[in-house]
Amino acid sequence: MSARQITTSLAALGLALAASVPAQAGDLREDLAADMPALMELYRDLHANPELSFEEHKTAAKLAKIMRELGFEVTEGVGQTGVVSVMRNGDGPVVMLRADMDGLPVIEQTGLPFASKVMATPASGVTTGVMHACGHDTHMTGFIGAARLLAERKDEWQGTLVMILQPAEELGLGAIAMLEDGLYTRFPKPEYVLAFHDAAAPAPAGTIGYTPGYALANVDSVDIHVKGIGGHGAYPHTTVDPVVLASSIVMKLQTVVSRNSSPLDPAVITVGSFHAGAKHNIISDEAKLQLTVRSYSDESRQLLLDGIRRVARGEAITAGLPEELMPEVTVEEPYTPSTYNDPGFSEERAAAFRARFGEDRVIQWPAVMGGEDFSQFRRAAPDDVKSMIFWISGTPDEMLTALKEEGKPLPSLHSPFWAPDAEKVIATGAEALAGAALELMPRSGG
């Protein structure tokens, strides 16, 4: 059986992906097309068997095996369940490619024949289904496709290739866990870091979107414990009602964005949870608010967090609470920092993508208020590391048609209905990553 033929078992799949094949000149696309049946089998397996954040043990072991068979030096257990694969190929730049591995606590409703039936109990204690609702299965499969292409072409590049499989992106903790476990000290420190993310975008599947500068937001989780003086609901004058106080805080928080933050500096304060009381006729002595706060710059983040504290305290004073009952504002640490794509580097990569994929498949997209802990890799060494994360639309044709003709909204990432056109995402991602690495690590005299 040829190493490029579709396999029928995971063991055969690993051999199909990792078998040694002489490097071929010419475009990456031909070789990638021959690899796609095996890659799609890997994708279906990953999709059907997701694992939650920091629990990606089987996923990591499965992919580490493939990377070893491709000739990489592989280290497992970095940052708990992360995998670092290194291929040294002479003097030259160090390029790092990253994919994230974790699934989400979502019950899949895509109807796919290989839909996940996995059940698990996350830290919340609520047993739930697990699904790759954010497309990390496409990221991992594209990553393996790129690894194969680059391993086959060692005579076309020179330098050190570091490929990492990162845990716990969905918690915003995996990147920093790998860094704290010596990613930049135990292994070659990169000069360039690249990754892609699938997108539920109103663009044909396989379209590349890029954003120079700030691309994704700071993500802060903030808890406000509002205290009061409880009592009987029939005698509110004998109490200080924390529900009324917390409601005032919720409304006043909106002015931190509308009146304190510059209109030219995007910012979001959303109260996602408001809990208080247990009975109709009892005024509680506390209320609890949970907020998500989004910003781009460090300065904007600080302005918002300071504003939240000021509003909570100010409204409590207005309500007549004594000092010992002032609200407690807690900002969860660590937070997910904003993702900043180096502008010059991003434009260079976008120009190279246009040359490879065509003008119509590479589009500059606006920044979003979502978060990605890919940001940590540049932030850990901002003077030494240039980084870029780019989007690849995974929206199937039928979803685009329904959007255009019926106004039917697209399912978002994290939706139980999100089923990207995986083949186009994987093929585009593998070629984009491999092509970028070849361009960043040219062979001397080549």
Protein backbone atom coordinates (compact mmCIF):
# COMPACT_ATOMS: atom_id res chain seq x y z
CA MET A 1 0.00 0.00 0.00
CA SER A 2 1.29 3.48 -0.93
CA ALA A 3 2.03 5.86 1.93
CA ARG A 4 -0.31 8.37 0.28
CA GLN A 5 -3.33 6.07 0.08
CA ILE A 6 -6.21 6.42 2.47
CA THR A 7 -5.78 4.22 5.51
CA THR A 8 -8.31 2.29 7.51
CA SER A 9 -6.80 2.45 10.96
CA LEU A 10 -5.02 4.99 13.10
CA ALA A 11 -1.83 2.97 13.05
CA ALA A 12 -1.87 2.85 9.27
CA LEU A 13 -2.81 6.52 9.24
CA GLY A 14 0.31 7.43 11.20
CA LEU A 15 2.45 5.51 8.73
CA ALA A 16 0.69 7.11 5.79
CA LEU A 17 1.40 10.56 7.14
CA ALA A 18 4.94 9.89 8.33
CA ALA A 19 6.45 7.61 5.67
CA SER A 20 9.68 8.86 4.17
CA VAL A 21 9.23 10.21 0.65
CA PRO A 22 11.97 11.91 -1.37
CA ALA A 23 11.55 15.68 -1.47
CA GLN A 24 9.91 16.85 -4.66
CA ALA A 25 10.41 20.23 -6.31
CA GLY A 26 7.42 22.27 -7.32
CA ASP A 27 4.33 23.55 -5.63
CA LEU A 28 3.17 22.26 -2.26
CA ARG A 29 -0.38 21.83 -3.48
CA GLU A 30 0.15 18.66 -5.51
CA ASP A 31 1.71 16.78 -2.62
CA LEU A 32 -0.86 18.13 -0.21
CA ALA A 33 -3.71 17.00 -2.47
CA ALA A 34 -2.29 13.47 -2.39
CA ASP A 35 -2.13 13.63 1.43
CA MET A 36 -5.69 14.89 1.91
CA PRO A 37 -7.45 11.49 2.18
CA ALA A 38 -5.22 10.50 5.10
CA LEU A 39 -5.47 13.95 6.64
CA MET A 40 -9.25 13.88 6.45
CA GLU A 41 -9.29 10.52 8.20
CA LEU A 42 -7.18 12.05 10.96
CA TYR A 43 -9.58 15.00 11.10
CA ARG A 44 -12.62 12.76 11.50
CA ASP A 45 -10.90 10.85 14.30
CA LEU A 46 -9.94 14.06 16.13
CA HIS A 47 -13.44 15.44 15.67
CA ALA A 48 -15.08 12.31 17.07
CA ASN A 49 -12.74 12.14 20.08
CA PRO A 50 -12.32 15.63 21.57
CA GLU A 51 -10.81 16.24 24.99
CA LEU A 52 -11.30 19.17 27.35
CA SER A 53 -8.64 21.71 28.32
CA PHE A 54 -5.57 20.22 30.03
CA GLU A 55 -7.07 16.76 29.47
CA GLU A 56 -5.77 16.33 25.90
CA HIS A 57 -3.74 13.22 26.79
CA LYS A 58 -4.86 10.89 23.98
CA THR A 59 -4.86 13.68 21.41
CA ALA A 60 -1.34 14.75 22.34
CA ALA A 61 0.00 11.18 22.31
CA LYS A 62 -1.60 10.45 18.94
CA LEU A 63 -0.11 13.52 17.27
CA ALA A 64 3.27 13.20 19.02
CA LYS A 65 3.60 9.73 17.48
CA ILE A 66 3.03 11.11 14.00
CA MET A 67 5.56 13.90 14.57
CA ARG A 68 8.22 11.41 15.71
CA GLU A 69 7.63 9.31 12.60
CA LEU A 70 8.19 12.44 10.52
CA GLY A 71 11.65 12.84 12.06
CA PHE A 72 11.04 15.53 14.70
CA GLU A 73 12.58 15.54 18.18
CA VAL A 74 9.41 15.36 20.28
CA THR A 75 8.86 16.31 23.91
CA GLU A 76 5.51 15.62 25.53
CA GLY A 77 4.02 17.00 28.73
CA VAL A 78 5.14 20.61 28.22
CA GLY A 79 2.73 22.85 30.11
CA GLN A 80 0.86 19.74 31.33
CA THR A 81 -0.31 18.23 28.02
CA GLY A 82 1.50 20.30 25.38
CA VAL A 83 3.80 18.81 22.74
CA VAL A 84 6.95 20.45 21.34
CA SER A 85 8.47 19.03 18.12
CA VAL A 86 11.81 20.33 16.85
CA MET A 87 13.51 19.75 13.51
CA ARG A 88 17.03 21.20 13.18
CA ASN A 89 18.22 21.72 9.64
CA GLY A 90 21.41 23.80 9.77
CA ASP A 91 22.01 27.43 10.63
CA GLY A 92 19.17 29.83 10.05
CA PRO A 93 16.06 31.38 11.55
CA VAL A 94 13.90 29.67 14.15
CA VAL A 95 10.26 29.45 13.06
CA MET A 96 7.51 28.24 15.37
CA LEU A 97 4.13 26.97 14.15
CA ARG A 98 1.33 26.43 16.66
CA ALA A 99 -1.96 24.56 16.82
CA ASP A 100 -4.32 24.28 19.79
CA MET A 101 -5.85 20.97 20.85
CA ASP A 102 -8.72 21.36 23.32
CA GLY A 103 -12.43 20.85 22.76
CA LEU A 104 -15.36 22.54 24.48
CA PRO A 105 -18.08 21.38 26.90
CA VAL A 106 -20.74 21.47 24.16
CA ILE A 107 -23.19 18.75 23.10
CA GLU A 108 -22.69 18.37 19.35
CA GLN A 109 -25.76 18.86 17.13
CA THR A 110 -24.17 18.97 13.66
CA GLY A 111 -25.59 15.65 12.49
CA LEU A 112 -22.23 14.62 11.08
CA PRO A 113 -21.72 10.85 10.79
CA PHE A 114 -18.55 11.20 12.86
CA ALA A 115 -20.06 13.60 15.40
CA SER A 116 -18.65 13.48 18.92
CA LYS A 117 -20.47 11.36 21.46
CA VAL A 118 -17.88 12.02 24.17
CA MET A 119 -19.16 12.95 27.62
CA ALA A 120 -17.06 14.50 30.38
CA THR A 121 -17.29 16.45 33.62
CA PRO A 122 -15.33 19.74 33.54
CA ALA A 123 -14.35 21.84 36.55
CA SER A 124 -17.91 23.20 36.75
CA GLY A 125 -19.00 19.74 37.94
CA VAL A 126 -21.74 19.52 35.28
CA THR A 127 -21.48 16.44 33.06
CA THR A 128 -21.81 17.45 29.43
CA GLY A 129 -20.95 16.50 25.89
CA VAL A 130 -17.58 17.51 24.45
CA MET A 131 -17.17 18.91 20.95
CA HIS A 132 -14.58 20.60 18.75
CA ALA A 133 -17.00 23.51 18.39
CA CYS A 134 -14.15 25.98 17.81
CA GLY A 135 -12.47 24.03 15.02
CA HIS A 136 -9.29 23.03 16.81
CA ASP A 137 -9.54 19.68 15.03
CA THR A 138 -8.97 21.50 11.73
CA HIS A 139 -6.03 23.38 13.28
CA MET A 140 -4.33 20.16 14.39
CA THR A 141 -4.90 18.43 11.07
CA GLY A 142 -3.58 21.40 9.07
CA PHE A 143 -0.59 21.46 11.42
CA ILE A 144 0.17 17.79 10.64
CA GLY A 145 -0.22 18.49 6.92
CA ALA A 146 2.28 21.34 7.17
CA ALA A 147 4.68 19.20 9.21
CA ARG A 148 4.67 16.51 6.55
CA LEU A 149 5.27 18.97 3.72
CA LEU A 150 8.21 20.55 5.55
CA ALA A 151 9.73 17.23 6.62
CA GLU A 152 9.70 16.13 2.98
CA ARG A 153 11.46 19.33 1.88
CA LYS A 154 14.48 19.58 4.14
CA ASP A 155 16.62 20.36 1.10
CA GLU A 156 14.51 23.49 0.46
CA TRP A 157 14.88 25.25 3.82
CA GLN A 158 17.55 25.96 6.41
CA GLY A 159 17.10 26.75 10.08
CA THR A 160 15.15 25.30 12.99
CA LEU A 161 11.49 24.41 12.85
CA VAL A 162 9.63 24.29 16.17
CA MET A 163 6.06 22.99 16.00
CA ILE A 164 3.94 23.11 19.14
CA LEU A 165 0.61 21.56 20.04
CA GLN A 166 -0.86 23.74 22.75
CA PRO A 167 -3.39 22.73 25.41
CA ALA A 168 -6.14 24.75 27.06
CA GLU A 169 -6.57 27.63 24.63
CA GLU A 170 -10.24 27.73 25.59
CA LEU A 171 -9.26 28.56 29.17
CA GLY A 172 -6.68 31.11 28.06
CA LEU A 173 -4.10 29.21 30.11
CA GLY A 174 -2.31 26.81 27.78
CA ALA A 175 0.18 29.17 26.14
CA ILE A 176 1.38 30.62 29.41
CA ALA A 177 1.61 27.12 30.89
CA MET A 178 3.96 26.09 28.08
CA LEU A 179 6.03 29.26 28.45
CA GLU A 180 6.31 28.80 32.22
CA ASP A 181 7.42 25.23 31.57
CA GLY A 182 10.40 26.47 29.55
CA LEU A 183 9.13 26.77 25.99
CA TYR A 184 11.63 29.57 25.27
CA THR A 185 14.47 28.18 27.42
CA ARG A 186 14.35 24.40 27.04
CA PHE A 187 13.73 24.65 23.30
CA PRO A 188 14.99 26.97 20.51
CA LYS A 189 13.49 30.43 20.96
CA PRO A 190 11.59 31.49 17.83
CA GLU A 191 12.08 34.59 15.75
CA TYR A 192 8.74 34.07 14.01
CA VAL A 193 5.51 32.50 15.30
CA LEU A 194 2.55 31.64 13.09
CA ALA A 195 -0.87 30.06 13.61
CA PHE A 196 -4.26 30.02 11.95
CA HIS A 197 -7.83 29.83 13.24
CA ASP A 198 -10.91 28.72 11.35
CA ALA A 199 -13.74 31.26 11.14
CA ALA A 200 -17.49 31.26 10.71
CA ALA A 201 -17.20 34.15 8.27
CA PRO A 202 -19.41 35.45 5.44
CA ALA A 203 -16.72 34.46 2.94
CA PRO A 204 -16.14 31.32 0.87
CA ALA A 205 -14.39 28.50 2.69
CA GLY A 206 -10.64 28.70 2.21
CA THR A 207 -10.56 32.51 2.26
CA ILE A 208 -7.69 33.88 4.37
CA GLY A 209 -8.35 36.86 6.61
CA TYR A 210 -5.59 38.83 8.28
CA THR A 211 -5.45 41.82 10.63
CA PRO A 212 -2.28 43.89 11.12
CA GLY A 213 -1.84 45.29 14.62
CA TYR A 214 -4.42 44.47 17.28
CA ALA A 215 -6.39 41.47 16.03
CA LEU A 216 -8.04 40.07 19.18
CA ALA A 217 -8.84 41.62 22.53
CA ASN A 218 -7.70 41.58 26.13
CA VAL A 219 -10.16 39.31 27.93
CA ASP A 220 -10.81 39.95 31.61
CA SER A 221 -13.26 38.13 33.85
CA VAL A 222 -14.40 40.34 36.73
CA ASP A 223 -16.54 39.41 39.75
CA ILE A 224 -18.35 42.01 41.85
CA HIS A 225 -19.64 40.91 45.24
CA VAL A 226 -22.27 43.50 46.16
CA LYS A 227 -23.14 43.57 49.84
CA GLY A 228 -26.28 44.96 51.46
CA ILE A 229 -28.41 44.80 54.56
CA GLY A 230 -31.13 42.21 54.16
CA GLY A 231 -34.61 41.98 55.58
CA HIS A 232 -38.31 41.50 54.86
CA GLY A 233 -39.54 42.43 51.41
CA ALA A 234 -42.51 44.23 52.94
CA TYR A 235 -40.24 46.61 54.88
CA PRO A 236 -37.57 47.76 52.39
CA HIS A 237 -36.91 50.91 54.40
CA THR A 238 -35.22 48.77 57.04
CA THR A 239 -32.72 47.37 54.52
CA VAL A 240 -30.12 48.41 52.01
CA ASP A 241 -31.23 46.37 49.03
CA PRO A 242 -28.26 44.81 47.18
CA VAL A 243 -30.46 43.99 44.17
CA VAL A 244 -31.27 47.66 43.63
CA LEU A 245 -27.64 48.59 44.30
CA ALA A 246 -26.31 45.95 41.91
CA SER A 247 -28.83 47.06 39.28
CA SER A 248 -27.53 50.61 39.59
CA ILE A 249 -23.99 49.34 39.19
CA VAL A 250 -24.95 47.40 36.03
CA MET A 251 -26.49 50.48 34.43
CA LYS A 252 -23.72 52.87 35.49
CA LEU A 253 -21.01 50.51 34.19
CA GLN A 254 -22.13 51.28 30.66
CA THR A 255 -20.94 54.86 31.10
CA VAL A 256 -17.37 53.66 31.68
CA VAL A 257 -17.33 52.76 27.99
CA SER A 258 -19.61 55.50 26.66
CA ARG A 259 -18.22 58.40 28.70
CA ASN A 260 -14.75 57.45 30.00
CA SER A 261 -13.28 55.49 27.10
CA SER A 262 -12.39 57.16 23.81
CA PRO A 263 -14.93 56.44 21.03
CA LEU A 264 -11.92 55.58 18.84
CA ASP A 265 -10.69 52.91 21.28
CA PRO A 266 -12.97 49.83 21.20
CA ALA A 267 -14.08 48.59 24.62
CA VAL A 268 -16.76 46.27 25.99
CA ILE A 269 -18.15 45.72 29.48
CA THR A 270 -20.80 43.00 29.55
CA VAL A 271 -22.54 41.75 32.69
CA GLY A 272 -23.13 38.10 31.93
CA SER A 273 -24.48 36.95 35.29
CA PHE A 274 -26.55 38.54 38.08
CA HIS A 275 -27.43 36.36 41.07
CA ALA A 276 -29.24 37.45 44.22
CA GLY A 277 -31.81 36.24 46.68
CA ALA A 278 -33.70 33.00 47.19
CA LYS A 279 -37.35 33.92 47.94
CA HIS A 280 -40.01 36.37 46.79
CA ASN A 281 -40.41 38.25 50.05
CA ILE A 282 -36.86 38.34 51.34
CA ILE A 283 -34.40 41.12 50.53
CA SER A 284 -31.03 39.40 50.34
CA ASP A 285 -27.88 40.71 51.94
CA GLU A 286 -25.78 40.16 48.81
CA ALA A 287 -25.79 40.08 45.02
CA LYS A 288 -23.12 38.73 42.73
CA LEU A 289 -22.22 40.00 39.27
CA GLN A 290 -19.96 38.38 36.69
CA LEU A 291 -18.51 40.53 33.91
CA THR A 292 -16.50 40.03 30.77
CA VAL A 293 -14.36 43.04 29.88
CA ARG A 294 -12.72 43.50 26.46
CA SER A 295 -10.11 46.00 25.31
CA TYR A 296 -7.00 46.19 23.12
CA SER A 297 -4.25 48.27 24.72
CA ASP A 298 -2.88 47.87 28.24
CA GLU A 299 -3.89 51.47 28.93
CA SER A 300 -7.48 50.90 27.84
CA ARG A 301 -7.68 47.75 29.94
CA GLN A 302 -6.52 49.62 33.03
CA LEU A 303 -9.02 52.43 32.41
CA LEU A 304 -11.90 49.95 32.26
CA LEU A 305 -10.86 48.01 35.36
CA ASP A 306 -10.34 51.21 37.33
CA GLY A 307 -13.72 52.46 36.14
CA ILE A 308 -15.47 49.29 37.29
CA ARG A 309 -13.99 49.64 40.78
CA ARG A 310 -14.91 53.35 40.92
CA VAL A 311 -18.51 52.76 39.83
CA ALA A 312 -19.05 49.91 42.27
CA ARG A 313 -17.72 51.92 45.19
CA GLY A 314 -19.47 55.12 44.17
CA GLU A 315 -22.89 53.49 43.86
CA ALA A 316 -22.42 51.77 47.22
CA ILE A 317 -21.63 55.11 48.86
CA THR A 318 -24.72 56.63 47.25
CA ALA A 319 -26.81 53.76 48.66
CA GLY A 320 -25.53 54.57 52.14
CA LEU A 321 -23.44 51.48 52.77
CA PRO A 322 -20.77 51.74 55.48
CA GLU A 323 -17.11 51.27 54.57
CA GLU A 324 -16.98 47.68 55.79
CA LEU A 325 -19.72 46.72 53.29
CA MET A 326 -18.14 48.23 50.19
CA PRO A 327 -18.37 45.92 47.12
CA GLU A 328 -15.51 43.55 46.47
CA VAL A 329 -14.21 43.66 42.88
CA THR A 330 -12.04 40.72 41.85
CA VAL A 331 -10.19 40.54 38.51
CA GLU A 332 -9.36 36.98 37.56
CA GLU A 333 -5.69 36.22 36.96
CA PRO A 334 -4.11 35.34 34.70
CA TYR A 335 -6.12 37.13 32.03
CA THR A 336 -5.87 36.64 28.26
CA PRO A 337 -3.89 39.53 26.75
CA SER A 338 -4.80 41.07 23.41
CA THR A 339 -3.27 39.55 20.31
CA TYR A 340 -1.04 41.93 18.37
CA ASN A 341 0.03 40.94 14.87
CA ASP A 342 3.28 42.71 13.98
CA PRO A 343 2.07 45.04 11.20
CA GLY A 344 5.06 44.81 8.87
CA PHE A 345 5.39 41.06 9.30
CA SER A 346 1.65 40.58 8.77
CA GLU A 347 1.64 42.60 5.55
CA GLU A 348 4.64 40.63 4.26
CA ARG A 349 2.90 37.34 4.99
CA ALA A 350 -0.34 38.61 3.43
CA ALA A 351 1.51 39.59 0.27
CA ALA A 352 3.05 36.12 0.11
CA PHE A 353 -0.37 34.54 0.66
CA ARG A 354 -1.78 36.61 -2.21
CA ALA A 355 1.03 35.47 -4.47
CA ARG A 356 0.29 31.86 -3.55
CA PHE A 357 -3.51 31.78 -3.28
CA GLY A 358 -4.61 34.74 -5.41
CA GLU A 359 -5.90 38.22 -4.59
CA ASP A 360 -9.50 37.14 -4.09
CA ARG A 361 -8.63 34.62 -1.36
CA VAL A 362 -6.69 36.97 0.93
CA ILE A 363 -8.61 39.79 2.61
CA GLN A 364 -7.81 42.22 5.41
CA TRP A 365 -10.41 41.71 8.16
CA PRO A 366 -11.32 44.02 11.04
CA ALA A 367 -10.17 43.20 14.54
CA VAL A 368 -12.58 41.32 16.80
CA MET A 369 -13.35 41.38 20.50
CA GLY A 370 -12.79 37.66 20.93
CA GLY A 371 -9.68 36.47 22.75
CA GLU A 372 -6.81 34.10 21.93
CA ASP A 373 -3.91 33.18 24.15
CA PHE A 374 -1.67 32.97 21.07
CA SER A 375 -0.90 36.53 22.23
CA GLN A 376 1.35 35.15 24.97
CA PHE A 377 4.04 33.93 22.56
CA ARG A 378 4.88 37.45 21.36
CA ARG A 379 4.24 39.05 24.72
CA ALA A 380 6.84 36.77 26.35
CA ALA A 381 9.60 38.30 24.16
CA PRO A 382 8.19 41.33 22.28
CA ASP A 383 11.63 42.57 21.18
CA ASP A 384 12.65 39.21 19.71
CA VAL A 385 9.50 37.52 18.39
CA LYS A 386 7.37 38.55 15.41
CA SER A 387 4.00 36.85 15.35
CA MET A 388 0.86 36.57 13.27
CA ILE A 389 -2.36 34.62 13.62
CA PHE A 390 -4.64 34.61 10.60
CA TRP A 391 -8.16 33.41 9.92
CA ILE A 392 -9.37 30.83 7.41
CA SER A 393 -13.06 30.86 6.61
CA GLY A 394 -14.67 27.47 7.06
CA THR A 395 -18.19 28.46 6.05
CA PRO A 396 -19.71 25.78 3.80
CA ASP A 397 -21.29 26.88 0.51
CA GLU A 398 -24.80 25.91 1.61
CA MET A 399 -24.52 28.11 4.72
CA LEU A 400 -23.34 31.05 2.60
CA THR A 401 -26.25 30.53 0.20
CA ALA A 402 -28.76 30.43 3.07
CA LEU A 403 -27.23 33.61 4.50
CA LYS A 404 -27.43 35.48 1.20
CA GLU A 405 -30.82 34.23 -0.01
CA GLU A 406 -32.74 33.73 3.25
CA GLY A 407 -30.86 35.91 5.70
CA LYS A 408 -30.23 32.82 7.83
CA PRO A 409 -27.44 33.67 10.28
CA LEU A 410 -24.28 31.60 10.35
CA PRO A 411 -23.64 29.44 13.41
CA SER A 412 -20.81 31.00 15.38
CA LEU A 413 -17.72 29.34 16.71
CA HIS A 414 -18.65 27.51 19.95
CA SER A 415 -22.08 26.71 18.48
CA PRO A 416 -23.23 23.05 18.68
CA PHE A 417 -24.12 23.42 14.98
CA TRP A 418 -20.70 24.63 13.75
CA ALA A 419 -19.40 22.19 11.13
CA PRO A 420 -16.82 23.92 8.91
CA ASP A 421 -15.85 22.87 5.41
CA ALA A 422 -12.96 21.06 7.04
CA GLU A 423 -11.22 19.97 3.84
CA LYS A 424 -10.81 23.55 2.61
CA VAL A 425 -9.70 24.84 6.01
CA ILE A 426 -7.15 22.06 6.43
CA ALA A 427 -5.77 22.31 2.89
CA THR A 428 -5.46 26.10 3.09
CA GLY A 429 -3.98 26.04 6.58
CA ALA A 430 -1.39 23.37 5.80
CA GLU A 431 -0.25 25.08 2.62
CA ALA A 432 -0.19 28.54 4.23
CA LEU A 433 1.88 27.40 7.23
CA ALA A 434 4.31 25.30 5.17
CA GLY A 435 4.70 27.98 2.51
CA ALA A 436 5.36 30.66 5.13
CA ALA A 437 7.99 28.51 6.87
CA LEU A 438 9.78 27.84 3.57
CA GLU A 439 9.86 31.56 2.80
CA LEU A 440 11.10 32.48 6.28
CA MET A 441 13.86 29.85 6.26
CA PRO A 442 15.37 30.01 2.75
CA ARG A 443 18.32 27.76 2.00
CA SER A 444 21.57 29.73 1.70
CA GLY A 445 22.46 30.23 -1.92
CA GLY A 446 19.08 28.82 -2.93
